[in-house]
Amino acid sequence: MTRVLLADQHPDIRLALAILLKKEPGVIIVGSVSEAEGLLALAKTAQPDIVILDSNLPGNPTADILTSLRCLDQHPKILLLSNSPTALLQTYQNNVDAITGKNDPPEILLKKFRALFPT
């Protein structure tokens, strides 16, 4: 099972991600949060394999969130969602496993998601 934690400030995006990913074999959504403090607390207890992270999550700066996630014992993979993924690529490329645009078609997100856990 691939354990996924969703972190986006918009409830509609979290819901859409949950619906999309629940169709993937072996994927379980272990939590959904709207701000950084909740993300870090839940990530410690839920032990996700992957965190899908909004690049504009309210709370701590994204760089701090990424550092905190990388310090967790289980080292989850991170798929960063952004309105401008190209602009963020150079900024975060060493701290994330994949970046995709919030406006990208679901197929693109799924392709990047699946690449994080090749079969």
Foldseek 3Di string as FASTA:
>chain_A
DAEEEEEAQDPVLVVVVCVLCVPDPPYDYQYYYQALVVVLVSCQVSVGQEYEYECCRPDDHSVVSLVSLCPHPNRHAYEYEYCCQVVCCVVCVVRHQYYDYPPDPPVVVVVSVCVVPDD
